[in-house]
C-alpha atoms as a PDB file:
ATOM      1  CA  MET A   1     250.564  79.578 143.492  1.00  0.00           C
ATOM      2  CA  GLY A   2     250.534  81.410 140.268  1.00  0.00           C
ATOM      3  CA  THR A   3     247.534  81.885 138.041  1.00  0.00           C
ATOM      4  CA  SER A   4     247.827  81.785 134.294  1.00  0.00           C
ATOM      5  CA  ALA A   5     246.059  84.196 131.982  1.00  0.00           C
ATOM      6  CA  SER A   6     244.190  81.350 130.273  1.00  0.00           C
ATOM      7  CA  SER A   7     242.710  80.048 133.542  1.00  0.00           C
ATOM      8  CA  PHE A   8     241.535  83.581 134.451  1.00  0.00           C
ATOM      9  CA  LEU A   9     239.720  83.948 131.155  1.00  0.00           C
ATOM     10  CA  ASP A  10     238.139  80.530 131.631  1.00  0.00           C
ATOM     11  CA  ARG A  11     236.825  81.531 135.065  1.00  0.00           C
ATOM     12  CA  ARG A  12     235.477  84.841 133.676  1.00  0.00           C
ATOM     13  CA  ASP A  13     233.556  82.991 130.987  1.00  0.00           C
ATOM     14  CA  ALA A  14     232.226  80.550 133.568  1.00  0.00           C
ATOM     15  CA  ARG A  15     230.964  83.377 135.738  1.00  0.00           C
ATOM     16  CA  ARG A  16     229.057  84.941 132.800  1.00  0.00           C
ATOM     17  CA  ARG A  17     227.559  81.646 131.683  1.00  0.00           C
ATOM     18  CA  GLY A  18     223.753  81.725 132.247  1.00  0.00           C
ATOM     19  CA  TYR A  19     223.429  85.549 132.450  1.00  0.00           C
ATOM     20  CA  GLU A  20     222.221  87.988 129.783  1.00  0.00           C
ATOM     21  CA  PRO A  21     224.664  90.710 128.859  1.00  0.00           C
ATOM     22  CA  ILE A  22     223.903  94.047 130.467  1.00  0.00           C
ATOM     23  CA  PRO A  23     222.819  96.533 127.760  1.00  0.00           C
ATOM     24  CA  ARG A  24     224.640  99.787 127.410  1.00  0.00           C
ATOM     25  CA  HIS A  25     223.020 102.993 128.664  1.00  0.00           C
ATOM     26  CA  ASP A  26     222.799 104.585 125.251  1.00  0.00           C
ATOM     27  CA  GLU A  27     220.872 101.570 123.915  1.00  0.00           C
ATOM     28  CA  ASP A  28     218.409 101.869 126.834  1.00  0.00           C
ATOM     29  CA  GLU A  29     217.871 105.521 126.131  1.00  0.00           C
ATOM     30  CA  LYS A  30     217.335 104.812 122.426  1.00  0.00           C
ATOM     31  CA  ASP A  31     214.731 102.130 123.174  1.00  0.00           C
ATOM     32  CA  MET A  32     212.949 104.393 125.667  1.00  0.00           C
ATOM     33  CA  SER A  33     212.949 107.227 123.150  1.00  0.00           C
ATOM     34  CA  ILE A  34     211.397 105.003 120.468  1.00  0.00           C
ATOM     35  CA  ALA A  35     208.741 103.738 122.887  1.00  0.00           C
ATOM     36  CA  TYR A  36     207.972 107.290 123.998  1.00  0.00           C
ATOM     37  CA  GLU A  37     207.581 108.496 120.414  1.00  0.00           C
ATOM     38  CA  GLU A  38     205.299 105.578 119.571  1.00  0.00           C
ATOM     39  CA  GLN A  39     203.127 106.250 122.628  1.00  0.00           C
ATOM     40  CA  LYS A  40     203.085 109.968 121.861  1.00  0.00           C
ATOM     41  CA  ASN A  41     201.922 109.311 118.312  1.00  0.00           C
ATOM     42  CA  ILE A  42     199.166 107.031 119.560  1.00  0.00           C
ATOM     43  CA  LEU A  43     197.970 109.631 122.070  1.00  0.00           C
ATOM     44  CA  GLU A  44     198.067 112.390 119.491  1.00  0.00           C
ATOM     45  CA  GLN A  45     196.060 110.315 117.044  1.00  0.00           C
ATOM     46  CA  MET A  46     193.497 109.632 119.745  1.00  0.00           C
ATOM     47  CA  SER A  47     193.218 113.298 120.743  1.00  0.00           C
ATOM     48  CA  ILE A  48     193.116 114.858 117.270  1.00  0.00           C
ATOM     49  CA  PRO A  49     189.378 114.302 116.682  1.00  0.00           C
ATOM     50  CA  ARG A  50     188.529 115.611 120.131  1.00  0.00           C
ATOM     51  CA  ARG A  51     190.764 118.626 119.658  1.00  0.00           C
ATOM     52  CA  ASP A  52     189.262 119.284 116.218  1.00  0.00           C
ATOM     53  CA  GLU A  53     185.740 119.098 117.650  1.00  0.00           C
ATOM     54  CA  GLU A  54     186.632 121.481 120.474  1.00  0.00           C
ATOM     55  CA  ARG A  55     188.306 123.861 118.038  1.00  0.00           C
ATOM     56  CA  LYS A  56     185.288 123.750 115.716  1.00  0.00           C
ATOM     57  CA  LYS A  57     182.919 124.373 118.640  1.00  0.00           C
ATOM     58  CA  ALA A  58     185.026 127.314 119.812  1.00  0.00           C
ATOM     59  CA  GLU A  59     185.082 128.733 116.285  1.00  0.00           C
ATOM     60  CA  ASP A  60     181.307 128.331 115.994  1.00  0.00           C
ATOM     61  CA  ASP A  61     180.820 130.098 119.337  1.00  0.00           C
ATOM     62  CA  ARG A  62     183.077 132.946 118.255  1.00  0.00           C
ATOM     63  CA  SER A  63     181.288 133.218 114.919  1.00  0.00           C
ATOM     64  CA  GLN A  64     177.926 133.458 116.689  1.00  0.00           C
ATOM     65  CA  GLN A  65     179.212 136.202 118.974  1.00  0.00           C
ATOM     66  CA  GLN A  66     180.731 138.129 116.078  1.00  0.00           C
ATOM     67  CA  GLN A  67     177.860 137.586 113.656  1.00  0.00           C
ATOM     68  CA  GLU A  68     175.725 140.552 114.660  1.00  0.00           C
ATOM     69  CA  GLU A  69     178.803 142.790 114.925  1.00  0.00           C
ATOM     70  CA  GLN A  70     179.721 141.868 111.346  1.00  0.00           C
ATOM     71  CA  GLU A  71     176.151 142.475 110.211  1.00  0.00           C
ATOM     72  CA  ASP A  72     176.128 145.857 111.929  1.00  0.00           C
ATOM     73  CA  ILE A  73     179.374 146.760 110.149  1.00  0.00           C
ATOM     74  CA  ILE A  74     177.830 145.898 106.801  1.00  0.00           C
ATOM     75  CA  LEU A  75     174.589 147.687 107.621  1.00  0.00           C
ATOM     76  CA  PHE A  76     176.012 150.881 109.040  1.00  0.00           C
ATOM     77  CA  GLU A  77     179.448 151.302 107.432  1.00  0.00           C
ATOM     78  CA  GLU A  78     179.210 149.769 103.975  1.00  0.00           C
ATOM     79  CA  GLU A  79     176.132 151.814 103.217  1.00  0.00           C
ATOM     80  CA  ARG A  80     178.631 154.594 102.469  1.00  0.00           C
ATOM     81  CA  GLN A  81     179.547 152.697  99.315  1.00  0.00           C
ATOM     82  CA  GLY A  82     177.438 153.133  96.228  1.00  0.00           C
ATOM     83  CA  PRO A  83     175.057 150.445  94.927  1.00  0.00           C
ATOM     84  CA  ALA A  84     177.492 149.452  92.160  1.00  0.00           C
ATOM     85  CA  ALA A  85     180.336 148.796  94.627  1.00  0.00           C
ATOM     86  CA  LEU A  86     178.050 146.849  96.957  1.00  0.00           C
ATOM     87  CA  GLU A  87     176.676 144.723  94.141  1.00  0.00           C
ATOM     88  CA  ALA A  88     180.191 144.049  92.856  1.00  0.00           C
ATOM     89  CA  ARG A  89     181.263 142.844  96.280  1.00  0.00           C
ATOM     90  CA  ALA A  90     178.111 140.748  96.582  1.00  0.00           C
ATOM     91  CA  ARG A  91     178.881 139.031  93.280  1.00  0.00           C
ATOM     92  CA  VAL A  92     182.430 138.276  94.424  1.00  0.00           C
ATOM     93  CA  LEU A  93     181.184 136.838  97.725  1.00  0.00           C
ATOM     94  CA  ARG A  94     178.518 134.748  96.035  1.00  0.00           C
ATOM     95  CA  GLY A  95     181.006 133.416  93.489  1.00  0.00           C
ATOM     96  CA  ARG A  96     183.463 132.545  96.238  1.00  0.00           C
ATOM     97  CA  ALA A  97     180.736 130.873  98.285  1.00  0.00           C
ATOM     98  CA  PHE A  98     180.389 127.981  95.871  1.00  0.00           C
ATOM     99  CA  ARG A  99     184.143 127.438  95.751  1.00  0.00           C
ATOM    100  CA  GLN A 100     184.494 127.092  99.522  1.00  0.00           C
ATOM    101  CA  GLY A 101     185.445 123.800 101.093  1.00  0.00           C
ATOM    102  CA  THR A 102     182.886 123.674 103.915  1.00  0.00           C
ATOM    103  CA  VAL A 103     179.159 124.259 104.204  1.00  0.00           C
ATOM    104  CA  PHE A 104     179.721 126.819 106.969  1.00  0.00           C
ATOM    105  CA  GLU A 105     182.095 128.926 104.844  1.00  0.00           C
ATOM    106  CA  THR A 106     179.650 128.828 101.929  1.00  0.00           C
ATOM    107  CA  TRP A 107     176.832 129.904 104.258  1.00  0.00           C
ATOM    108  CA  GLN A 108     178.910 132.809 105.607  1.00  0.00           C
ATOM    109  CA  ASP A 109     179.674 134.194 102.141  1.00  0.00           C
ATOM    110  CA  LEU A 110     176.053 133.829 101.012  1.00  0.00           C
ATOM    111  CA  LYS A 111     174.884 135.724 104.096  1.00  0.00           C
ATOM    112  CA  ASP A 112     177.340 138.556 103.482  1.00  0.00           C
ATOM    113  CA  SER A 113     176.424 138.774  99.799  1.00  0.00           C
ATOM    114  CA  ALA A 114     172.725 138.948 100.709  1.00  0.00           C
ATOM    115  CA  LEU A 115     173.405 141.843 103.083  1.00  0.00           C
ATOM    116  CA  CYS A 116     175.354 143.706 100.385  1.00  0.00           C
ATOM    117  CA  TYR A 117     172.490 143.299  97.930  1.00  0.00           C
ATOM    118  CA  LEU A 118     170.085 144.420 100.650  1.00  0.00           C
ATOM    119  CA  ILE A 119     171.920 147.689 101.275  1.00  0.00           C
ATOM    120  CA  ALA A 120     172.187 148.232  97.513  1.00  0.00           C
ATOM    121  CA  LEU A 121     168.364 147.865  97.354  1.00  0.00           C
ATOM    122  CA  ASN A 122     168.718 145.087  94.789  1.00  0.00           C
ATOM    123  CA  TRP A 123     165.696 143.269  96.152  1.00  0.00           C
ATOM    124  CA  ARG A 124     165.599 140.329  93.760  1.00  0.00           C
ATOM    125  CA  GLU A 125     169.269 139.390  94.185  1.00  0.00           C
ATOM    126  CA  ALA A 126     169.026 139.864  97.960  1.00  0.00           C
ATOM    127  CA  ALA A 127     165.945 137.634  98.066  1.00  0.00           C
ATOM    128  CA  LEU A 128     167.677 134.908  96.053  1.00  0.00           C
ATOM    129  CA  ALA A 129     170.803 135.072  98.227  1.00  0.00           C
ATOM    130  CA  PHE A 130     168.743 134.791 101.430  1.00  0.00           C
ATOM    131  CA  ALA A 131     166.884 131.822  99.902  1.00  0.00           C
ATOM    132  CA  GLU A 132     170.196 130.090  99.135  1.00  0.00           C
ATOM    133  CA  GLN A 133     171.363 130.837 102.667  1.00  0.00           C
ATOM    134  CA  ALA A 134     168.225 129.139 104.019  1.00  0.00           C
ATOM    135  CA  LEU A 135     169.109 125.946 102.133  1.00  0.00           C
ATOM    136  CA  TYR A 136     172.535 125.846 103.779  1.00  0.00           C
ATOM    137  CA  ASP A 137     170.996 126.600 107.184  1.00  0.00           C
ATOM    138  CA  ILE A 138     168.893 123.468 106.747  1.00  0.00           C
ATOM    139  CA  GLN A 139     172.031 121.476 105.862  1.00  0.00           C
ATOM    140  CA  LEU A 140     173.692 122.794 109.016  1.00  0.00           C
ATOM    141  CA  GLY A 141     170.625 121.747 111.035  1.00  0.00           C
ATOM    142  CA  ASP A 142     169.852 125.308 112.172  1.00  0.00           C
ATOM    143  CA  GLU A 143     166.090 125.722 111.758  1.00  0.00           C
ATOM    144  CA  PRO A 144     165.827 129.163 113.462  1.00  0.00           C
ATOM    145  CA  ARG A 145     168.377 130.655 111.069  1.00  0.00           C
ATOM    146  CA  ALA A 146     166.705 128.945 108.118  1.00  0.00           C
ATOM    147  CA  ALA A 147     163.378 130.483 109.132  1.00  0.00           C
ATOM    148  CA  THR A 148     164.992 133.911 109.492  1.00  0.00           C
ATOM    149  CA  ALA A 149     166.588 133.641 106.039  1.00  0.00           C
ATOM    150  CA  LEU A 150     163.254 132.592 104.493  1.00  0.00           C
ATOM    151  CA  LEU A 151     161.462 135.518 106.147  1.00  0.00           C
ATOM    152  CA  ARG A 152     164.099 137.969 104.902  1.00  0.00           C
ATOM    153  CA  SER A 153     163.938 136.466 101.417  1.00  0.00           C
ATOM    154  CA  ALA A 154     160.159 136.855 101.305  1.00  0.00           C
ATOM    155  CA  LYS A 155     160.279 140.435 102.595  1.00  0.00           C
ATOM    156  CA  CYS A 156     162.784 141.328  99.877  1.00  0.00           C
ATOM    157  CA  PHE A 157     160.553 139.849  97.179  1.00  0.00           C
ATOM    158  CA  ILE A 158     157.598 141.794  98.600  1.00  0.00           C
ATOM    159  CA  GLU A 159     159.523 145.023  97.998  1.00  0.00           C
ATOM    160  CA  ILE A 160     159.465 144.274  94.241  1.00  0.00           C
ATOM    161  CA  GLU A 161     156.428 146.108  92.950  1.00  0.00           C
ATOM    162  CA  HIS A 162     155.783 143.986  89.853  1.00  0.00           C
ATOM    163  CA  LYS A 163     156.423 140.300  90.469  1.00  0.00           C
ATOM    164  CA  PRO A 164     155.856 137.326  88.156  1.00  0.00           C
ATOM    165  CA  LYS A 165     153.495 134.609  89.314  1.00  0.00           C
ATOM    166  CA  TYR A 166     156.221 132.180  90.372  1.00  0.00           C
ATOM    167  CA  GLU A 167     157.738 134.784  92.729  1.00  0.00           C
ATOM    168  CA  VAL A 168     154.309 135.421  94.254  1.00  0.00           C
ATOM    169  CA  GLU A 169     153.959 131.687  94.879  1.00  0.00           C
ATOM    170  CA  TYR A 170     157.448 131.551  96.380  1.00  0.00           C
ATOM    171  CA  VAL A 171     156.653 134.376  98.820  1.00  0.00           C
ATOM    172  CA  GLU A 172     153.572 132.531 100.080  1.00  0.00           C
ATOM    173  CA  GLN A 173     155.487 129.262 100.489  1.00  0.00           C
ATOM    174  CA  ALA A 174     158.494 130.930 102.148  1.00  0.00           C
ATOM    175  CA  LEU A 175     156.341 132.779 104.690  1.00  0.00           C
ATOM    176  CA  GLU A 176     154.324 129.644 105.443  1.00  0.00           C
ATOM    177  CA  GLU A 177     157.513 127.633 105.976  1.00  0.00           C
ATOM    178  CA  ALA A 178     159.122 130.385 108.078  1.00  0.00           C
ATOM    179  CA  THR A 179     156.025 130.590 110.293  1.00  0.00           C
ATOM    180  CA  THR A 180     156.037 126.821 110.780  1.00  0.00           C
ATOM    181  CA  LEU A 181     159.758 126.718 111.629  1.00  0.00           C
ATOM    182  CA  PHE A 182     159.534 129.621 114.082  1.00  0.00           C
ATOM    183  CA  ALA A 183     156.551 128.034 115.818  1.00  0.00           C
ATOM    184  CA  ARG A 184     158.294 124.656 115.986  1.00  0.00           C
ATOM    185  CA  THR A 185     161.399 126.175 117.578  1.00  0.00           C
ATOM    186  CA  GLY A 186     159.305 128.144 120.085  1.00  0.00           C
ATOM    187  CA  ASP A 187     159.917 131.656 118.733  1.00  0.00           C
ATOM    188  CA  LEU A 188     156.285 132.796 118.714  1.00  0.00           C
ATOM    189  CA  GLN A 189     157.235 136.450 118.270  1.00  0.00           C
ATOM    190  CA  LEU A 190     158.824 135.838 114.883  1.00  0.00           C
ATOM    191  CA  ALA A 191     156.138 133.279 114.041  1.00  0.00           C
ATOM    192  CA  ALA A 192     153.655 136.128 114.480  1.00  0.00           C
ATOM    193  CA  THR A 193     155.843 138.421 112.364  1.00  0.00           C
ATOM    194  CA  SER A 194     155.906 135.894 109.512  1.00  0.00           C
ATOM    195  CA  CYS A 195     152.197 135.228 109.820  1.00  0.00           C
ATOM    196  CA  LEU A 196     151.298 138.930 109.790  1.00  0.00           C
ATOM    197  CA  GLU A 197     153.557 139.504 106.791  1.00  0.00           C
ATOM    198  CA  LEU A 198     151.749 136.700 104.977  1.00  0.00           C
ATOM    199  CA  ALA A 199     148.361 138.176 105.872  1.00  0.00           C
ATOM    200  CA  GLU A 200     149.422 141.585 104.545  1.00  0.00           C
ATOM    201  CA  PHE A 201     150.715 139.896 101.401  1.00  0.00           C
ATOM    202  CA  TYR A 202     147.348 138.200 100.896  1.00  0.00           C
ATOM    203  CA  MET A 203     145.723 141.608 101.191  1.00  0.00           C
ATOM    204  CA  ASP A 204     148.049 142.947  98.530  1.00  0.00           C
ATOM    205  CA  GLN A 205     147.123 140.020  96.276  1.00  0.00           C
ATOM    206  CA  GLN A 206     143.376 140.628  96.789  1.00  0.00           C
ATOM    207  CA  ASP A 207     143.014 137.281  98.603  1.00  0.00           C
ATOM    208  CA  LEU A 208     140.665 138.278 101.416  1.00  0.00           C
ATOM    209  CA  GLN A 209     139.917 134.725 102.493  1.00  0.00           C
ATOM    210  CA  GLY A 210     143.618 133.973 102.865  1.00  0.00           C
ATOM    211  CA  ALA A 211     144.171 137.249 104.729  1.00  0.00           C
ATOM    212  CA  LEU A 212     141.289 136.570 107.130  1.00  0.00           C
ATOM    213  CA  ARG A 213     142.534 133.053 107.865  1.00  0.00           C
ATOM    214  CA  THR A 214     146.119 134.238 108.398  1.00  0.00           C
ATOM    215  CA  PHE A 215     145.226 137.220 110.612  1.00  0.00           C
ATOM    216  CA  ARG A 216     143.313 134.849 112.872  1.00  0.00           C
ATOM    217  CA  ARG A 217     146.237 132.460 112.908  1.00  0.00           C
ATOM    218  CA  ALA A 218     148.602 135.312 113.793  1.00  0.00           C
ATOM    219  CA  ALA A 219     146.352 136.263 116.701  1.00  0.00           C
ATOM    220  CA  GLY A 220     147.239 132.923 118.274  1.00  0.00           C
ATOM    221  CA  TYR A 221     150.954 133.764 118.154  1.00  0.00           C
ATOM    222  CA  CYS A 222     150.883 137.467 118.962  1.00  0.00           C
ATOM    223  CA  GLY A 223     150.272 137.536 122.693  1.00  0.00           C
ATOM    224  CA  TYR A 224     150.399 141.241 123.529  1.00  0.00           C
ATOM    225  CA  LYS A 225     149.468 142.044 119.908  1.00  0.00           C
ATOM    226  CA  HIS A 226     146.441 139.764 119.970  1.00  0.00           C
ATOM    227  CA  ARG A 227     143.959 142.653 119.983  1.00  0.00           C
ATOM    228  CA  ASN A 228     145.561 144.291 116.949  1.00  0.00           C
ATOM    229  CA  CYS A 229     145.514 141.017 114.994  1.00  0.00           C
ATOM    230  CA  GLY A 230     141.918 140.424 115.980  1.00  0.00           C
ATOM    231  CA  HIS A 231     140.972 143.929 114.863  1.00  0.00           C
ATOM    232  CA  LYS A 232     142.565 143.398 111.450  1.00  0.00           C
ATOM    233  CA  ALA A 233     140.760 140.076 111.120  1.00  0.00           C
ATOM    234  CA  ASP A 234     137.471 141.853 111.897  1.00  0.00           C
ATOM    235  CA  VAL A 235     138.207 144.491 109.251  1.00  0.00           C
ATOM    236  CA  VAL A 236     138.906 141.840 106.627  1.00  0.00           C
ATOM    237  CA  GLY A 237     135.768 139.961 107.621  1.00  0.00           C
ATOM    238  CA  SER A 238     133.771 143.154 107.218  1.00  0.00           C
ATOM    239  CA  LEU A 239     135.325 143.699 103.800  1.00  0.00           C
ATOM    240  CA  LEU A 240     134.209 140.257 102.786  1.00  0.00           C
ATOM    241  CA  ARG A 241     130.663 140.878 104.016  1.00  0.00           C
ATOM    242  CA  ASP A 242     130.123 144.340 102.633  1.00  0.00           C
ATOM    243  CA  GLU A 243     133.076 145.847 100.821  1.00  0.00           C
ATOM    244  CA  GLU A 244     131.107 148.614  99.104  1.00  0.00           C
ATOM    245  CA  ALA A 245     129.474 149.805 102.329  1.00  0.00           C
ATOM    246  CA  LEU A 246     132.853 150.088 104.029  1.00  0.00           C
ATOM    247  CA  ARG A 247     134.202 152.098 101.113  1.00  0.00           C
ATOM    248  CA  ARG A 248     131.384 154.580 101.567  1.00  0.00           C
ATOM    249  CA  ARG A 249     132.300 154.852 105.261  1.00  0.00           C
ATOM    250  CA  GLY A 250     135.866 155.803 104.354  1.00  0.00           C
ATOM    251  CA  VAL A 251     137.689 152.474 104.587  1.00  0.00           C
ATOM    252  CA  LEU A 252     140.686 152.409 102.235  1.00  0.00           C
ATOM    253  CA  PRO A 253     140.117 150.742  98.880  1.00  0.00           C
ATOM    254  CA  LEU A 254     141.509 147.245  98.890  1.00  0.00           C
ATOM    255  CA  GLU A 255     143.934 147.850  96.026  1.00  0.00           C
ATOM    256  CA  ASP A 256     145.605 150.628  98.042  1.00  0.00           C
ATOM    257  CA  TYR A 257     145.809 148.688 101.301  1.00  0.00           C
ATOM    258  CA  LYS A 258     149.353 147.346 101.078  1.00  0.00           C
ATOM    259  CA  ARG A 259     150.911 150.448  99.612  1.00  0.00           C
ATOM    260  CA  ARG A 260     149.297 152.738 102.163  1.00  0.00           C
ATOM    261  CA  SER A 261     150.034 150.487 105.145  1.00  0.00           C
ATOM    262  CA  ALA A 262     153.638 149.564 104.346  1.00  0.00           C
ATOM    263  CA  GLY A 263     154.938 151.225 101.203  1.00  0.00           C
ATOM    264  CA  TYR A 264     157.901 150.320  99.058  1.00  0.00           C
ATOM    265  CA  ILE A 265     161.434 151.287 100.064  1.00  0.00           C
ATOM    266  CA  ARG A 266     163.123 153.496  97.490  1.00  0.00           C
ATOM    267  CA  SER A 267     166.599 155.054  97.470  1.00  0.00           C
ATOM    268  CA  SER A 268     164.910 158.431  96.976  1.00  0.00           C
ATOM    269  CA  ASP A 269     163.349 158.173 100.441  1.00  0.00           C
ATOM    270  CA  PRO A 270     165.257 160.366 102.923  1.00  0.00           C
ATOM    271  CA  ASP A 271     165.029 157.652 105.594  1.00  0.00           C
ATOM    272  CA  TRP A 272     165.610 154.613 103.362  1.00  0.00           C
ATOM    273  CA  ARG A 273     168.585 153.462 105.463  1.00  0.00           C
ATOM    274  CA  SER A 274     166.519 153.268 108.630  1.00  0.00           C
ATOM    275  CA  LYS A 275     163.771 151.439 106.713  1.00  0.00           C
ATOM    276  CA  VAL A 276     166.233 148.831 105.470  1.00  0.00           C
ATOM    277  CA  CYS A 277     167.669 148.488 108.969  1.00  0.00           C
ATOM    278  CA  ASP A 278     164.156 147.999 110.364  1.00  0.00           C
ATOM    279  CA  LEU A 279     163.423 145.383 107.710  1.00  0.00           C
ATOM    280  CA  PHE A 280     166.569 143.496 108.706  1.00  0.00           C
ATOM    281  CA  LEU A 281     166.279 143.797 112.489  1.00  0.00           C
ATOM    282  CA  SER A 282     162.561 142.967 112.484  1.00  0.00           C
ATOM    283  CA  THR A 283     163.488 139.520 111.196  1.00  0.00           C
ATOM    284  CA  THR A 284     166.274 138.902 113.721  1.00  0.00           C
ATOM    285  CA  PRO A 285     165.583 136.606 116.695  1.00  0.00           C
ATOM    286  CA  PRO A 286     165.594 138.612 119.953  1.00  0.00           C
ATOM    287  CA  VAL A 287     168.083 136.192 121.531  1.00  0.00           C
ATOM    288  CA  HIS A 288     170.721 137.406 119.051  1.00  0.00           C
ATOM    289  CA  VAL A 289     169.980 141.135 118.994  1.00  0.00           C
ATOM    290  CA  ALA A 290     168.806 143.107 122.002  1.00  0.00           C
ATOM    291  CA  VAL A 291     166.136 145.165 120.244  1.00  0.00           C
ATOM    292  CA  SER A 292     162.384 145.182 120.558  1.00  0.00           C
ATOM    293  CA  VAL A 293     160.639 143.903 117.438  1.00  0.00           C
ATOM    294  CA  THR A 294     157.341 145.577 116.659  1.00  0.00           C
ATOM    295  CA  VAL A 295     154.663 143.860 114.622  1.00  0.00           C
ATOM    296  CA  ASP A 296     152.420 146.073 112.554  1.00  0.00           C
END
């Protein structure tokens, strides 16, 4: 029995009735590709913050490891440049610092400009740059670095022989704040350094009561230097009790105390580079630089 073409088509349509058409392979692949791209975008958006945080942490770790190497380069290689070249570079760095997009980049340029001014023996500009660096350290939440910058700023101001009253007041406040921050973060060695520097500064300013109080405070931080701090406190106490009698016994006149005990760094000194290096390294936390810090 023959079968017509029309009846065959009718049966084919009847067989397909109730079933969804099977999609073509290229349509499947297109849908899968779209779904994959959407999922990939979602995953990438979720991982970007984490990846940025990890990248930032890695960059911070690298910057900490390279920091002292960079400082050594500035201290021991750029000293070959003259003061004018160093000050010019410092001005460029400081100007760029306030055009940077992040607090960390601004802090880095301020630190480098302060070091250039330091090697150029431009004490006032170095002191101001270290003070600005301390403000950014506080913004970054790094109290030990802020204390170090304040101590360096104060020591630079101390090297200025004739200071106006407001700079004298700043030195006292900066050393007090540095001592407090070092003590709070557990770095008693640098707390003692700041405290002793403040006591010596009080001696230079003829403030014997302040010097006596601060030498005694430093004795609590010094540890192995406790006896030396106690001895200086005894000397100041004796000066307060009988200054004229001690002069007759050969004790240095008070007005000469600071200059004889520390002195001012001048470019005419044959060892001025080592003095500047000592000034810098004596304010550096021992966890960052493997040197022994001595406290006079």
